[in-house]
Amino acid sequence: MDENKLSFEEAYKQLTELVQKMENAQMSLADSVAAYEQGIKLKAYCEQLLKEAELKIETLKVSNTGE
């Protein structure tokens, strides 16, 4: 899966589903480790998208106050 093509909502949904499966012990140890690795990637991707959105908002605020 290429998480870089997911929307924030899709990535966050996949991340929460992985966490729920891991918390409910619905996976083998090997699958849990793989899910954890995928979760780390999804978390980083979601954080990146949030930072980009925050930067856009700050840019809009600055440009609107300069008028």
PDB file of N, CA and C in Angstrom:
ATOM      1  N   MET A   1       0.841  -1.185   0.000  1.00  0.00           N
ATOM      2  CA  MET A   1       0.000   0.000   0.000  1.00  0.00           C
ATOM      3  C   MET A   1       0.878   1.237   0.000  1.00  0.00           C
ATOM      4  N   ASP A   2       0.505   2.208  -0.802  1.00  0.00           N
ATOM      5  CA  ASP A   2       1.235   3.467  -0.846  1.00  0.00           C
ATOM      6  C   ASP A   2       0.421   4.514  -0.096  1.00  0.00           C
ATOM      7  N   GLU A   3       0.808   4.738   1.169  1.00  0.00           N
ATOM      8  CA  GLU A   3       0.042   5.664   1.986  1.00  0.00           C
ATOM      9  C   GLU A   3       0.115   7.099   1.472  1.00  0.00           C
ATOM     10  N   ASN A   4       1.084   7.412   0.614  1.00  0.00           N
ATOM     11  CA  ASN A   4       1.208   8.764   0.086  1.00  0.00           C
ATOM     12  C   ASN A   4       0.111   9.124  -0.904  1.00  0.00           C
ATOM     13  N   LYS A   5      -0.707   8.168  -1.275  1.00  0.00           N
ATOM     14  CA  LYS A   5      -1.810   8.434  -2.193  1.00  0.00           C
ATOM     15  C   LYS A   5      -3.152   8.492  -1.471  1.00  0.00           C
ATOM     16  N   LEU A   6      -3.135   8.306  -0.161  1.00  0.00           N
ATOM     17  CA  LEU A   6      -4.364   8.305   0.619  1.00  0.00           C
ATOM     18  C   LEU A   6      -4.728   9.717   1.047  1.00  0.00           C
ATOM     19  N   SER A   7      -6.011   9.953   1.202  1.00  0.00           N
ATOM     20  CA  SER A   7      -6.433  11.201   1.836  1.00  0.00           C
ATOM     21  C   SER A   7      -6.156  11.076   3.324  1.00  0.00           C
ATOM     22  N   PHE A   8      -6.191  12.184   4.024  1.00  0.00           N
ATOM     23  CA  PHE A   8      -5.996  12.150   5.472  1.00  0.00           C
ATOM     24  C   PHE A   8      -7.019  11.226   6.114  1.00  0.00           C
ATOM     25  N   GLU A   9      -8.264  11.357   5.693  1.00  0.00           N
ATOM     26  CA  GLU A   9      -9.340  10.564   6.290  1.00  0.00           C
ATOM     27  C   GLU A   9      -9.122   9.066   6.083  1.00  0.00           C
ATOM     28  N   GLU A  10      -8.681   8.682   4.884  1.00  0.00           N
ATOM     29  CA  GLU A  10      -8.424   7.265   4.603  1.00  0.00           C
ATOM     30  C   GLU A  10      -7.263   6.736   5.443  1.00  0.00           C
ATOM     31  N   ALA A  11      -6.187   7.518   5.516  1.00  0.00           N
ATOM     32  CA  ALA A  11      -5.020   7.097   6.287  1.00  0.00           C
ATOM     33  C   ALA A  11      -5.361   6.992   7.767  1.00  0.00           C
ATOM     34  N   TYR A  12      -6.108   7.960   8.283  1.00  0.00           N
ATOM     35  CA  TYR A  12      -6.479   7.948   9.696  1.00  0.00           C
ATOM     36  C   TYR A  12      -7.393   6.764  10.004  1.00  0.00           C
ATOM     37  N   LYS A  13      -8.303   6.464   9.094  1.00  0.00           N
ATOM     38  CA  LYS A  13      -9.201   5.327   9.286  1.00  0.00           C
ATOM     39  C   LYS A  13      -8.401   4.028   9.340  1.00  0.00           C
ATOM     40  N   GLN A  14      -7.452   3.862   8.419  1.00  0.00           N
ATOM     41  CA  GLN A  14      -6.627   2.658   8.423  1.00  0.00           C
ATOM     42  C   GLN A  14      -5.811   2.563   9.711  1.00  0.00           C
ATOM     43  N   LEU A  15      -5.303   3.695  10.162  1.00  0.00           N
ATOM     44  CA  LEU A  15      -4.523   3.713  11.394  1.00  0.00           C
ATOM     45  C   LEU A  15      -5.375   3.301  12.589  1.00  0.00           C
ATOM     46  N   THR A  16      -6.569   3.842  12.702  1.00  0.00           N
ATOM     47  CA  THR A  16      -7.423   3.484  13.839  1.00  0.00           C
ATOM     48  C   THR A  16      -7.859   2.025  13.764  1.00  0.00           C
ATOM     49  N   GLU A  17      -8.076   1.503  12.568  1.00  0.00           N
ATOM     50  CA  GLU A  17      -8.433   0.092  12.426  1.00  0.00           C
ATOM     51  C   GLU A  17      -7.280  -0.812  12.866  1.00  0.00           C
ATOM     52  N   LEU A  18      -6.054  -0.429  12.499  1.00  0.00           N
ATOM     53  CA  LEU A  18      -4.890  -1.205  12.930  1.00  0.00           C
ATOM     54  C   LEU A  18      -4.768  -1.205  14.450  1.00  0.00           C
ATOM     55  N   VAL A  19      -4.949  -0.059  15.051  1.00  0.00           N
ATOM     56  CA  VAL A  19      -4.842   0.055  16.508  1.00  0.00           C
ATOM     57  C   VAL A  19      -5.909  -0.809  17.184  1.00  0.00           C
ATOM     58  N   GLN A  20      -7.136  -0.767  16.675  1.00  0.00           N
ATOM     59  CA  GLN A  20      -8.212  -1.575  17.262  1.00  0.00           C
ATOM     60  C   GLN A  20      -7.903  -3.061  17.172  1.00  0.00           C
ATOM     61  N   LYS A  21      -7.409  -3.496  16.023  1.00  0.00           N
ATOM     62  CA  LYS A  21      -7.066  -4.919  15.865  1.00  0.00           C
ATOM     63  C   LYS A  21      -5.951  -5.321  16.832  1.00  0.00           C
ATOM     64  N   MET A  22      -4.967  -4.451  16.965  1.00  0.00           N
ATOM     65  CA  MET A  22      -3.859  -4.763  17.865  1.00  0.00           C
ATOM     66  C   MET A  22      -4.319  -4.772  19.318  1.00  0.00           C
ATOM     67  N   GLU A  23      -5.183  -3.840  19.679  1.00  0.00           N
ATOM     68  CA  GLU A  23      -5.679  -3.781  21.053  1.00  0.00           C
ATOM     69  C   GLU A  23      -6.558  -4.974  21.391  1.00  0.00           C
ATOM     70  N   ASN A  24      -7.278  -5.481  20.417  1.00  0.00           N
ATOM     71  CA  ASN A  24      -8.172  -6.615  20.644  1.00  0.00           C
ATOM     72  C   ASN A  24      -7.477  -7.958  20.465  1.00  0.00           C
ATOM     73  N   ALA A  25      -6.168  -7.915  20.272  1.00  0.00           N
ATOM     74  CA  ALA A  25      -5.364  -9.131  20.110  1.00  0.00           C
ATOM     75  C   ALA A  25      -5.920 -10.030  19.005  1.00  0.00           C
ATOM     76  N   GLN A  26      -6.307  -9.432  17.905  1.00  0.00           N
ATOM     77  CA  GLN A  26      -6.848 -10.181  16.779  1.00  0.00           C
ATOM     78  C   GLN A  26      -5.769 -10.559  15.772  1.00  0.00           C
ATOM     79  N   MET A  27      -4.499 -10.413  16.148  1.00  0.00           N
ATOM     80  CA  MET A  27      -3.404 -10.670  15.219  1.00  0.00           C
ATOM     81  C   MET A  27      -2.334 -11.535  15.884  1.00  0.00           C
ATOM     82  N   SER A  28      -1.609 -12.242  15.041  1.00  0.00           N
ATOM     83  CA  SER A  28      -0.440 -12.969  15.541  1.00  0.00           C
ATOM     84  C   SER A  28       0.650 -11.946  15.863  1.00  0.00           C
ATOM     85  N   LEU A  29       1.696 -12.400  16.516  1.00  0.00           N
ATOM     86  CA  LEU A  29       2.797 -11.505  16.863  1.00  0.00           C
ATOM     87  C   LEU A  29       3.436 -10.918  15.603  1.00  0.00           C
ATOM     88  N   ALA A  30       3.672 -11.750  14.607  1.00  0.00           N
ATOM     89  CA  ALA A  30       4.284 -11.277  13.360  1.00  0.00           C
ATOM     90  C   ALA A  30       3.392 -10.252  12.672  1.00  0.00           C
ATOM     91  N   ASP A  31       2.088 -10.524  12.646  1.00  0.00           N
ATOM     92  CA  ASP A  31       1.155  -9.575  12.047  1.00  0.00           C
ATOM     93  C   ASP A  31       1.086  -8.284  12.854  1.00  0.00           C
ATOM     94  N   SER A  32       1.185  -8.391  14.175  1.00  0.00           N
ATOM     95  CA  SER A  32       1.180  -7.209  15.034  1.00  0.00           C
ATOM     96  C   SER A  32       2.392  -6.329  14.760  1.00  0.00           C
ATOM     97  N   VAL A  33       3.544  -6.944  14.575  1.00  0.00           N
ATOM     98  CA  VAL A  33       4.757  -6.179  14.270  1.00  0.00           C
ATOM     99  C   VAL A  33       4.617  -5.483  12.915  1.00  0.00           C
ATOM    100  N   ALA A  34       4.106  -6.196  11.928  1.00  0.00           N
ATOM    101  CA  ALA A  34       3.899  -5.600  10.607  1.00  0.00           C
ATOM    102  C   ALA A  34       2.879  -4.462  10.689  1.00  0.00           C
ATOM    103  N   ALA A  35       1.825  -4.664  11.468  1.00  0.00           N
ATOM    104  CA  ALA A  35       0.809  -3.624  11.632  1.00  0.00           C
ATOM    105  C   ALA A  35       1.395  -2.409  12.339  1.00  0.00           C
ATOM    106  N   TYR A  36       2.250  -2.655  13.322  1.00  0.00           N
ATOM    107  CA  TYR A  36       2.903  -1.562  14.034  1.00  0.00           C
ATOM    108  C   TYR A  36       3.767  -0.747  13.073  1.00  0.00           C
ATOM    109  N   GLU A  37       4.528  -1.426  12.231  1.00  0.00           N
ATOM    110  CA  GLU A  37       5.361  -0.735  11.244  1.00  0.00           C
ATOM    111  C   GLU A  37       4.501   0.093  10.290  1.00  0.00           C
ATOM    112  N   GLN A  38       3.398  -0.492   9.833  1.00  0.00           N
ATOM    113  CA  GLN A  38       2.494   0.235   8.940  1.00  0.00           C
ATOM    114  C   GLN A  38       1.854   1.404   9.686  1.00  0.00           C
ATOM    115  N   GLY A  39       1.522   1.204  10.937  1.00  0.00           N
ATOM    116  CA  GLY A  39       0.934   2.276  11.745  1.00  0.00           C
ATOM    117  C   GLY A  39       1.868   3.452  11.899  1.00  0.00           C
ATOM    118  N   ILE A  40       3.156   3.180  12.080  1.00  0.00           N
ATOM    119  CA  ILE A  40       4.157   4.255  12.190  1.00  0.00           C
ATOM    120  C   ILE A  40       4.180   5.081  10.901  1.00  0.00           C
ATOM    121  N   LYS A  41       4.123   4.401   9.760  1.00  0.00           N
ATOM    122  CA  LYS A  41       4.115   5.101   8.474  1.00  0.00           C
ATOM    123  C   LYS A  41       2.850   5.942   8.314  1.00  0.00           C
ATOM    124  N   LEU A  42       1.712   5.359   8.669  1.00  0.00           N
ATOM    125  CA  LEU A  42       0.452   6.086   8.549  1.00  0.00           C
ATOM    126  C   LEU A  42       0.418   7.294   9.481  1.00  0.00           C
ATOM    127  N   LYS A  43       0.926   7.125  10.696  1.00  0.00           N
ATOM    128  CA  LYS A  43       0.971   8.232  11.657  1.00  0.00           C
ATOM    129  C   LYS A  43       1.820   9.377  11.117  1.00  0.00           C
ATOM    130  N   ALA A  44       2.987   9.052  10.596  1.00  0.00           N
ATOM    131  CA  ALA A  44       3.877  10.074  10.045  1.00  0.00           C
ATOM    132  C   ALA A  44       3.216  10.779   8.858  1.00  0.00           C
ATOM    133  N   TYR A  45       2.539  10.018   8.022  1.00  0.00           N
ATOM    134  CA  TYR A  45       1.855  10.593   6.865  1.00  0.00           C
ATOM    135  C   TYR A  45       0.731  11.535   7.301  1.00  0.00           C
ATOM    136  N   CYS A  46      -0.049  11.119   8.284  1.00  0.00           N
ATOM    137  CA  CYS A  46      -1.127  11.976   8.794  1.00  0.00           C
ATOM    138  C   CYS A  46      -0.557  13.258   9.397  1.00  0.00           C
ATOM    139  N   GLU A  47       0.534  13.134  10.142  1.00  0.00           N
ATOM    140  CA  GLU A  47       1.168  14.315  10.726  1.00  0.00           C
ATOM    141  C   GLU A  47       1.665  15.265   9.641  1.00  0.00           C
ATOM    142  N   GLN A  48       2.226  14.698   8.574  1.00  0.00           N
ATOM    143  CA  GLN A  48       2.701  15.516   7.460  1.00  0.00           C
ATOM    144  C   GLN A  48       1.546  16.291   6.829  1.00  0.00           C
ATOM    145  N   LEU A  49       0.434  15.614   6.591  1.00  0.00           N
ATOM    146  CA  LEU A  49      -0.728  16.283   5.993  1.00  0.00           C
ATOM    147  C   LEU A  49      -1.270  17.377   6.902  1.00  0.00           C
ATOM    148  N   LEU A  50      -1.279  17.125   8.201  1.00  0.00           N
ATOM    149  CA  LEU A  50      -1.752  18.134   9.143  1.00  0.00           C
ATOM    150  C   LEU A  50      -0.834  19.354   9.162  1.00  0.00           C
ATOM    151  N   LYS A  51       0.476  19.129   9.111  1.00  0.00           N
ATOM    152  CA  LYS A  51       1.424  20.249   9.084  1.00  0.00           C
ATOM    153  C   LYS A  51       1.257  21.071   7.814  1.00  0.00           C
ATOM    154  N   GLU A  52       1.036  20.394   6.685  1.00  0.00           N
ATOM    155  CA  GLU A  52       0.817  21.098   5.425  1.00  0.00           C
ATOM    156  C   GLU A  52      -0.451  21.939   5.488  1.00  0.00           C
ATOM    157  N   ALA A  53      -1.502  21.384   6.075  1.00  0.00           N
ATOM    158  CA  ALA A  53      -2.756  22.128   6.206  1.00  0.00           C
ATOM    159  C   ALA A  53      -2.573  23.330   7.132  1.00  0.00           C
ATOM    160  N   GLU A  54      -1.846  23.132   8.226  1.00  0.00           N
ATOM    161  CA  GLU A  54      -1.589  24.232   9.160  1.00  0.00           C
ATOM    162  C   GLU A  54      -0.803  25.351   8.482  1.00  0.00           C
ATOM    163  N   LEU A  55       0.182  24.995   7.674  1.00  0.00           N
ATOM    164  CA  LEU A  55       0.966  25.979   6.954  1.00  0.00           C
ATOM    165  C   LEU A  55       0.097  26.764   5.974  1.00  0.00           C
ATOM    166  N   LYS A  56      -0.789  26.076   5.281  1.00  0.00           N
ATOM    167  CA  LYS A  56      -1.697  26.754   4.350  1.00  0.00           C
ATOM    168  C   LYS A  56      -2.598  27.739   5.090  1.00  0.00           C
ATOM    169  N   ILE A  57      -3.099  27.326   6.243  1.00  0.00           N
ATOM    170  CA  ILE A  57      -3.974  28.196   7.032  1.00  0.00           C
ATOM    171  C   ILE A  57      -3.204  29.422   7.506  1.00  0.00           C
ATOM    172  N   GLU A  58      -1.995  29.217   8.004  1.00  0.00           N
ATOM    173  CA  GLU A  58      -1.173  30.345   8.453  1.00  0.00           C
ATOM    174  C   GLU A  58      -0.862  31.288   7.299  1.00  0.00           C
ATOM    175  N   THR A  59      -0.593  30.747   6.113  1.00  0.00           N
ATOM    176  CA  THR A  59      -0.326  31.564   4.935  1.00  0.00           C
ATOM    177  C   THR A  59      -1.556  32.388   4.574  1.00  0.00           C
ATOM    178  N   LEU A  60      -2.720  31.773   4.646  1.00  0.00           N
ATOM    179  CA  LEU A  60      -3.956  32.503   4.355  1.00  0.00           C
ATOM    180  C   LEU A  60      -4.214  33.597   5.377  1.00  0.00           C
ATOM    181  N   LYS A  61      -3.941  33.318   6.638  1.00  0.00           N
ATOM    182  CA  LYS A  61      -4.121  34.328   7.679  1.00  0.00           C
ATOM    183  C   LYS A  61      -3.221  35.538   7.425  1.00  0.00           C
ATOM    184  N   VAL A  62      -1.968  35.277   7.089  1.00  0.00           N
ATOM    185  CA  VAL A  62      -1.020  36.361   6.859  1.00  0.00           C
ATOM    186  C   VAL A  62      -1.425  37.166   5.644  1.00  0.00           C
ATOM    187  N   SER A  63      -1.824  36.500   4.576  1.00  0.00           N
ATOM    188  CA  SER A  63      -2.193  37.225   3.370  1.00  0.00           C
ATOM    189  C   SER A  63      -3.476  38.012   3.551  1.00  0.00           C
ATOM    190  N   ASN A  64      -4.387  37.539   4.392  1.00  0.00           N
ATOM    191  CA  ASN A  64      -5.627  38.268   4.631  1.00  0.00           C
ATOM    192  C   ASN A  64      -5.425  39.457   5.573  1.00  0.00           C
ATOM    193  N   THR A  65      -4.494  39.375   6.488  1.00  0.00           N
ATOM    194  CA  THR A  65      -4.249  40.491   7.393  1.00  0.00           C
ATOM    195  C   THR A  65      -3.423  41.577   6.724  1.00  0.00           C
ATOM    196  N   GLY A  66      -2.763  41.241   5.638  1.00  0.00           N
ATOM    197  CA  GLY A  66      -1.941  42.215   4.921  1.00  0.00           C
ATOM    198  C   GLY A  66      -2.733  43.086   3.970  1.00  0.00           C
ATOM    199  N   GLU A  67      -4.001  42.808   3.787  1.00  0.00           N
ATOM    200  CA  GLU A  67      -4.822  43.592   2.845  1.00  0.00           C
ATOM    201  C   GLU A  67      -5.319  44.865   3.450  1.00  0.00           C
TER     202      GLU A  67
END
